[in-house]
Amino acid sequence: MEITGSTIIELLREGNESAFEQVFKEYYKRLHAYGYTFVRDDEAAEEIVQNVFCRIWEKKDQLNTGGSIKSYLYRAVHNESLNYLKHHKVRAKYEQYYTGHMSEEYDYSSRKMETSELEGHIQKAMSELPAQCRIIFHLSRFEHLKYQQIADQLGISVKTVENQMGKALKLMRLKLVEFLPVFLLLFWRF
């Protein structure tokens, strides 16, 4: 279905999947290239664009583009890319701090015990995820598959993978709140 002009914004607000698909197909590659100019990482640029589209779909009823979907998408990717860079910088500082200070403060056995404890909490939290969330989370974060690969393997849409990953990450953050800095380092793709 060919949709043009301001009609597309209204259709997106109404949850029209054809309109969403058309916008996705029309802008995805260009937005990926744009995001790449900031982050210089193909997977990160891919995830940035997917996050933007996922957020548009999740908050479609609140969509306020100011009249131009193209400008809105580029601004969203720009902002998401800057957030990625900021978080990446924070992560690098935390890793530097952790490597410098933790290695001095803890001996090997206490770190091994903490790691074992964290692994137990991660396994428990994962076991409490709904089945599809758990499988998608595992494939993404442990087997390092891209969303498209997961969708192909499970015979579901990329959008379903994105939604389930968002759900899984939210639930895992809640269940592992006491280990949040380490959880973010291990599983969150900044």
C-alpha atoms as a PDB file:
ATOM      1  CA  MET A   1       0.000   0.000   0.000  1.00  0.00           C
ATOM      2  CA  GLU A   2       1.550   3.315  -1.089  1.00  0.00           C
ATOM      3  CA  ILE A   3       1.017   6.044   1.494  1.00  0.00           C
ATOM      4  CA  THR A   4       2.315   9.605   1.241  1.00  0.00           C
ATOM      5  CA  GLY A   5       2.268  12.946   3.021  1.00  0.00           C
ATOM      6  CA  SER A   6       0.879  13.720   6.448  1.00  0.00           C
ATOM      7  CA  THR A   7      -1.506  10.767   6.137  1.00  0.00           C
ATOM      8  CA  ILE A   8       1.318   8.424   7.100  1.00  0.00           C
ATOM      9  CA  ILE A   9       1.738  10.067  10.492  1.00  0.00           C
ATOM     10  CA  GLU A  10      -1.948   9.643  11.266  1.00  0.00           C
ATOM     11  CA  LEU A  11      -1.870   6.032  10.084  1.00  0.00           C
ATOM     12  CA  LEU A  12       1.133   5.356  12.329  1.00  0.00           C
ATOM     13  CA  ARG A  13      -0.726   6.847  15.296  1.00  0.00           C
ATOM     14  CA  GLU A  14      -3.635   4.517  14.539  1.00  0.00           C
ATOM     15  CA  GLY A  15      -1.308   1.495  14.533  1.00  0.00           C
ATOM     16  CA  ASN A  16      -1.493   0.783  10.811  1.00  0.00           C
ATOM     17  CA  GLU A  17       1.086  -1.961  10.237  1.00  0.00           C
ATOM     18  CA  SER A  18       1.304  -1.343   6.487  1.00  0.00           C
ATOM     19  CA  ALA A  19       2.201   2.296   7.077  1.00  0.00           C
ATOM     20  CA  PHE A  20       4.795   1.281   9.669  1.00  0.00           C
ATOM     21  CA  GLU A  21       6.274  -1.301   7.302  1.00  0.00           C
ATOM     22  CA  GLN A  22       6.428   1.230   4.464  1.00  0.00           C
ATOM     23  CA  VAL A  23       8.245   3.776   6.658  1.00  0.00           C
ATOM     24  CA  PHE A  24      10.595   1.072   7.933  1.00  0.00           C
ATOM     25  CA  LYS A  25      11.461  -0.154   4.438  1.00  0.00           C
ATOM     26  CA  GLU A  26      11.844   3.348   3.048  1.00  0.00           C
ATOM     27  CA  TYR A  27      14.136   4.717   5.754  1.00  0.00           C
ATOM     28  CA  TYR A  28      15.893   1.790   7.441  1.00  0.00           C
ATOM     29  CA  LYS A  29      19.037   1.644   5.264  1.00  0.00           C
ATOM     30  CA  ARG A  30      19.518   5.408   5.200  1.00  0.00           C
ATOM     31  CA  LEU A  31      18.993   5.683   8.957  1.00  0.00           C
ATOM     32  CA  HIS A  32      21.419   2.808   9.535  1.00  0.00           C
ATOM     33  CA  ALA A  33      24.056   4.606   7.457  1.00  0.00           C
ATOM     34  CA  TYR A  34      23.352   7.837   9.340  1.00  0.00           C
ATOM     35  CA  GLY A  35      23.667   6.141  12.721  1.00  0.00           C
ATOM     36  CA  TYR A  36      26.885   4.460  11.582  1.00  0.00           C
ATOM     37  CA  THR A  37      28.471   7.874  10.959  1.00  0.00           C
ATOM     38  CA  PHE A  38      28.193   8.499  14.705  1.00  0.00           C
ATOM     39  CA  VAL A  39      28.973   5.155  16.287  1.00  0.00           C
ATOM     40  CA  ARG A  40      31.240   3.528  13.651  1.00  0.00           C
ATOM     41  CA  ASP A  41      29.854   0.108  14.535  1.00  0.00           C
ATOM     42  CA  ASP A  42      27.522  -1.757  12.210  1.00  0.00           C
ATOM     43  CA  GLU A  43      25.694  -3.743  14.915  1.00  0.00           C
ATOM     44  CA  ALA A  44      25.331  -0.707  17.159  1.00  0.00           C
ATOM     45  CA  ALA A  45      23.899   1.335  14.273  1.00  0.00           C
ATOM     46  CA  GLU A  46      21.502  -1.499  13.499  1.00  0.00           C
ATOM     47  CA  GLU A  47      20.323  -1.683  17.101  1.00  0.00           C
ATOM     48  CA  ILE A  48      19.973   2.106  17.299  1.00  0.00           C
ATOM     49  CA  VAL A  49      17.669   2.180  14.274  1.00  0.00           C
ATOM     50  CA  GLN A  50      15.717  -0.824  15.546  1.00  0.00           C
ATOM     51  CA  ASN A  51      15.297   0.887  18.926  1.00  0.00           C
ATOM     52  CA  VAL A  52      13.957   4.007  17.215  1.00  0.00           C
ATOM     53  CA  PHE A  53      11.406   2.025  15.216  1.00  0.00           C
ATOM     54  CA  CYS A  54      10.486  -0.083  18.230  1.00  0.00           C
ATOM     55  CA  ARG A  55       9.873   3.040  20.320  1.00  0.00           C
ATOM     56  CA  ILE A  56       7.777   4.574  17.524  1.00  0.00           C
ATOM     57  CA  TRP A  57       5.572   1.495  17.452  1.00  0.00           C
ATOM     58  CA  GLU A  58       5.309   1.208  21.238  1.00  0.00           C
ATOM     59  CA  LYS A  59       4.394   4.894  21.623  1.00  0.00           C
ATOM     60  CA  LYS A  60       2.563   5.330  18.340  1.00  0.00           C
ATOM     61  CA  ASP A  61      -0.434   6.999  19.979  1.00  0.00           C
ATOM     62  CA  GLN A  62       1.884   9.723  21.318  1.00  0.00           C
ATOM     63  CA  LEU A  63       3.757  10.224  18.029  1.00  0.00           C
ATOM     64  CA  ASN A  64       4.460  13.911  17.454  1.00  0.00           C
ATOM     65  CA  THR A  65       6.668  14.372  14.407  1.00  0.00           C
ATOM     66  CA  GLY A  66       6.141  18.066  13.866  1.00  0.00           C
ATOM     67  CA  GLY A  67       4.826  17.279  10.394  1.00  0.00           C
ATOM     68  CA  SER A  68       7.769  15.442   8.830  1.00  0.00           C
ATOM     69  CA  ILE A  69       8.367  11.763   9.503  1.00  0.00           C
ATOM     70  CA  LYS A  70      11.758  11.954   7.770  1.00  0.00           C
ATOM     71  CA  SER A  71      13.031  14.764  10.014  1.00  0.00           C
ATOM     72  CA  TYR A  72      11.610  13.014  13.056  1.00  0.00           C
ATOM     73  CA  LEU A  73      13.382   9.738  12.228  1.00  0.00           C
ATOM     74  CA  TYR A  74      16.740  11.381  11.556  1.00  0.00           C
ATOM     75  CA  ARG A  75      16.491  13.401  14.783  1.00  0.00           C
ATOM     76  CA  ALA A  76      15.562  10.252  16.720  1.00  0.00           C
ATOM     77  CA  VAL A  77      18.540   8.316  15.301  1.00  0.00           C
ATOM     78  CA  HIS A  78      20.792  11.310  16.013  1.00  0.00           C
ATOM     79  CA  ASN A  79      19.658  11.433  19.646  1.00  0.00           C
ATOM     80  CA  GLU A  80      19.815   7.652  20.085  1.00  0.00           C
ATOM     81  CA  SER A  81      23.348   7.649  18.634  1.00  0.00           C
ATOM     82  CA  LEU A  82      24.465  10.359  21.032  1.00  0.00           C
ATOM     83  CA  ASN A  83      22.952   8.398  23.921  1.00  0.00           C
ATOM     84  CA  TYR A  84      24.807   5.305  22.733  1.00  0.00           C
ATOM     85  CA  LEU A  85      28.104   7.217  22.680  1.00  0.00           C
ATOM     86  CA  LYS A  86      27.436   8.673  26.121  1.00  0.00           C
ATOM     87  CA  HIS A  87      26.616   5.256  27.578  1.00  0.00           C
ATOM     88  CA  HIS A  88      29.600   3.716  25.812  1.00  0.00           C
ATOM     89  CA  LYS A  89      31.827   6.332  27.438  1.00  0.00           C
ATOM     90  CA  VAL A  90      30.290   5.642  30.855  1.00  0.00           C
ATOM     91  CA  ARG A  91      30.732   1.916  30.335  1.00  0.00           C
ATOM     92  CA  ALA A  92      34.402   2.389  29.392  1.00  0.00           C
ATOM     93  CA  LYS A  93      34.978   4.481  32.523  1.00  0.00           C
ATOM     94  CA  TYR A  94      33.233   1.886  34.672  1.00  0.00           C
ATOM     95  CA  GLU A  95      35.276  -0.921  33.143  1.00  0.00           C
ATOM     96  CA  GLN A  96      38.433   1.081  33.726  1.00  0.00           C
ATOM     97  CA  TYR A  97      37.423   1.746  37.326  1.00  0.00           C
ATOM     98  CA  TYR A  98      36.344  -1.847  37.876  1.00  0.00           C
ATOM     99  CA  THR A  99      39.545  -3.253  36.398  1.00  0.00           C
ATOM    100  CA  GLY A 100      41.739  -0.846  38.349  1.00  0.00           C
ATOM    101  CA  HIS A 101      40.025  -0.957  41.729  1.00  0.00           C
ATOM    102  CA  MET A 102      38.364  -4.313  41.944  1.00  0.00           C
ATOM    103  CA  SER A 103      41.484  -6.247  41.049  1.00  0.00           C
ATOM    104  CA  GLU A 104      43.287  -4.511  43.915  1.00  0.00           C
ATOM    105  CA  GLU A 105      40.489  -4.985  46.459  1.00  0.00           C
ATOM    106  CA  TYR A 106      39.440  -8.572  45.824  1.00  0.00           C
ATOM    107  CA  ASP A 107      41.440 -11.700  45.583  1.00  0.00           C
ATOM    108  CA  TYR A 108      40.720 -14.395  43.028  1.00  0.00           C
ATOM    109  CA  SER A 109      38.560 -16.579  45.272  1.00  0.00           C
ATOM    110  CA  SER A 110      36.201 -13.808  46.355  1.00  0.00           C
ATOM    111  CA  ARG A 111      35.738 -12.696  42.732  1.00  0.00           C
ATOM    112  CA  LYS A 112      35.086 -16.278  41.728  1.00  0.00           C
ATOM    113  CA  MET A 113      32.448 -16.542  44.469  1.00  0.00           C
ATOM    114  CA  GLU A 114      30.800 -13.277  43.358  1.00  0.00           C
ATOM    115  CA  THR A 115      30.789 -14.437  39.740  1.00  0.00           C
ATOM    116  CA  SER A 116      29.230 -17.726  40.757  1.00  0.00           C
ATOM    117  CA  GLU A 117      26.594 -15.912  42.808  1.00  0.00           C
ATOM    118  CA  LEU A 118      25.812 -13.562  39.916  1.00  0.00           C
ATOM    119  CA  GLU A 119      25.549 -16.483  37.484  1.00  0.00           C
ATOM    120  CA  GLY A 120      23.080 -18.158  39.844  1.00  0.00           C
ATOM    121  CA  HIS A 121      20.959 -15.008  40.036  1.00  0.00           C
ATOM    122  CA  ILE A 122      21.070 -14.588  36.248  1.00  0.00           C
ATOM    123  CA  GLN A 123      19.984 -18.200  35.704  1.00  0.00           C
ATOM    124  CA  LYS A 124      17.155 -17.814  38.242  1.00  0.00           C
ATOM    125  CA  ALA A 125      15.983 -14.548  36.656  1.00  0.00           C
ATOM    126  CA  MET A 126      16.121 -16.095  33.175  1.00  0.00           C
ATOM    127  CA  SER A 127      14.128 -19.122  34.336  1.00  0.00           C
ATOM    128  CA  GLU A 128      11.364 -16.777  35.473  1.00  0.00           C
ATOM    129  CA  LEU A 129      11.070 -15.135  32.041  1.00  0.00           C
ATOM    130  CA  PRO A 130       8.232 -16.233  29.771  1.00  0.00           C
ATOM    131  CA  ALA A 131       9.448 -18.995  27.427  1.00  0.00           C
ATOM    132  CA  GLN A 132       9.672 -16.909  24.256  1.00  0.00           C
ATOM    133  CA  CYS A 133      11.411 -14.031  26.074  1.00  0.00           C
ATOM    134  CA  ARG A 134      13.910 -16.458  27.595  1.00  0.00           C
ATOM    135  CA  ILE A 135      14.735 -18.069  24.248  1.00  0.00           C
ATOM    136  CA  ILE A 136      15.113 -14.739  22.449  1.00  0.00           C
ATOM    137  CA  PHE A 137      17.214 -13.278  25.282  1.00  0.00           C
ATOM    138  CA  HIS A 138      19.476 -16.329  25.262  1.00  0.00           C
ATOM    139  CA  LEU A 139      19.942 -16.245  21.484  1.00  0.00           C
ATOM    140  CA  SER A 140      20.694 -12.528  21.510  1.00  0.00           C
ATOM    141  CA  ARG A 141      22.913 -12.199  24.544  1.00  0.00           C
ATOM    142  CA  PHE A 142      24.558 -15.610  24.855  1.00  0.00           C
ATOM    143  CA  GLU A 143      24.740 -16.762  21.245  1.00  0.00           C
ATOM    144  CA  HIS A 144      25.182 -13.191  19.917  1.00  0.00           C
ATOM    145  CA  LEU A 145      22.645 -13.552  17.110  1.00  0.00           C
ATOM    146  CA  LYS A 146      21.219 -10.459  15.450  1.00  0.00           C
ATOM    147  CA  TYR A 147      17.505  -9.810  15.684  1.00  0.00           C
ATOM    148  CA  GLN A 148      16.971 -10.807  12.066  1.00  0.00           C
ATOM    149  CA  GLN A 149      18.799 -14.099  12.631  1.00  0.00           C
ATOM    150  CA  ILE A 150      16.662 -14.817  15.688  1.00  0.00           C
ATOM    151  CA  ALA A 151      13.484 -13.990  13.776  1.00  0.00           C
ATOM    152  CA  ASP A 152      14.516 -16.300  10.934  1.00  0.00           C
ATOM    153  CA  GLN A 153      15.471 -19.112  13.299  1.00  0.00           C
ATOM    154  CA  LEU A 154      12.233 -18.908  15.305  1.00  0.00           C
ATOM    155  CA  GLY A 155       9.952 -18.107  12.363  1.00  0.00           C
ATOM    156  CA  ILE A 156       8.715 -14.830  13.874  1.00  0.00           C
ATOM    157  CA  SER A 157       8.937 -11.183  12.863  1.00  0.00           C
ATOM    158  CA  VAL A 158      11.846  -8.921  13.768  1.00  0.00           C
ATOM    159  CA  LYS A 159       9.324  -6.674  15.498  1.00  0.00           C
ATOM    160  CA  THR A 160       8.315  -9.569  17.764  1.00  0.00           C
ATOM    161  CA  VAL A 161      11.985 -10.192  18.572  1.00  0.00           C
ATOM    162  CA  GLU A 162      12.463  -6.493  19.386  1.00  0.00           C
ATOM    163  CA  ASN A 163       9.388  -6.412  21.614  1.00  0.00           C
ATOM    164  CA  GLN A 164      10.357  -9.633  23.418  1.00  0.00           C
ATOM    165  CA  MET A 165      13.942  -8.392  23.959  1.00  0.00           C
ATOM    166  CA  GLY A 166      12.627  -5.145  25.409  1.00  0.00           C
ATOM    167  CA  LYS A 167      10.393  -7.128  27.722  1.00  0.00           C
ATOM    168  CA  ALA A 168      13.210  -9.526  28.682  1.00  0.00           C
ATOM    169  CA  LEU A 169      15.671  -6.719  29.432  1.00  0.00           C
ATOM    170  CA  LYS A 170      13.117  -4.862  31.510  1.00  0.00           C
ATOM    171  CA  LEU A 171      12.293  -7.976  33.560  1.00  0.00           C
ATOM    172  CA  MET A 172      15.962  -8.908  33.964  1.00  0.00           C
ATOM    173  CA  ARG A 173      16.821  -5.378  35.149  1.00  0.00           C
ATOM    174  CA  LEU A 174      14.064  -5.603  37.751  1.00  0.00           C
ATOM    175  CA  LYS A 175      15.119  -9.048  38.956  1.00  0.00           C
ATOM    176  CA  LEU A 176      18.838  -8.210  39.036  1.00  0.00           C
ATOM    177  CA  VAL A 177      18.614  -4.688  40.442  1.00  0.00           C
ATOM    178  CA  GLU A 178      21.274  -5.397  43.096  1.00  0.00           C
ATOM    179  CA  PHE A 179      23.675  -6.467  40.340  1.00  0.00           C
ATOM    180  CA  LEU A 180      22.632  -3.745  37.880  1.00  0.00           C
ATOM    181  CA  PRO A 181      26.091  -2.322  37.022  1.00  0.00           C
ATOM    182  CA  VAL A 182      27.475  -5.778  36.283  1.00  0.00           C
ATOM    183  CA  PHE A 183      24.269  -6.851  34.479  1.00  0.00           C
ATOM    184  CA  LEU A 184      24.477  -3.790  32.251  1.00  0.00           C
ATOM    185  CA  LEU A 185      28.094  -4.527  31.419  1.00  0.00           C
ATOM    186  CA  LEU A 186      27.324  -8.124  30.515  1.00  0.00           C
ATOM    187  CA  PHE A 187      24.023  -7.899  28.675  1.00  0.00           C
ATOM    188  CA  TRP A 188      23.067  -4.373  27.702  1.00  0.00           C
ATOM    189  CA  ARG A 189      24.233  -3.237  24.298  1.00  0.00           C
ATOM    190  CA  PHE A 190      24.953   0.425  24.779  1.00  0.00           C
END
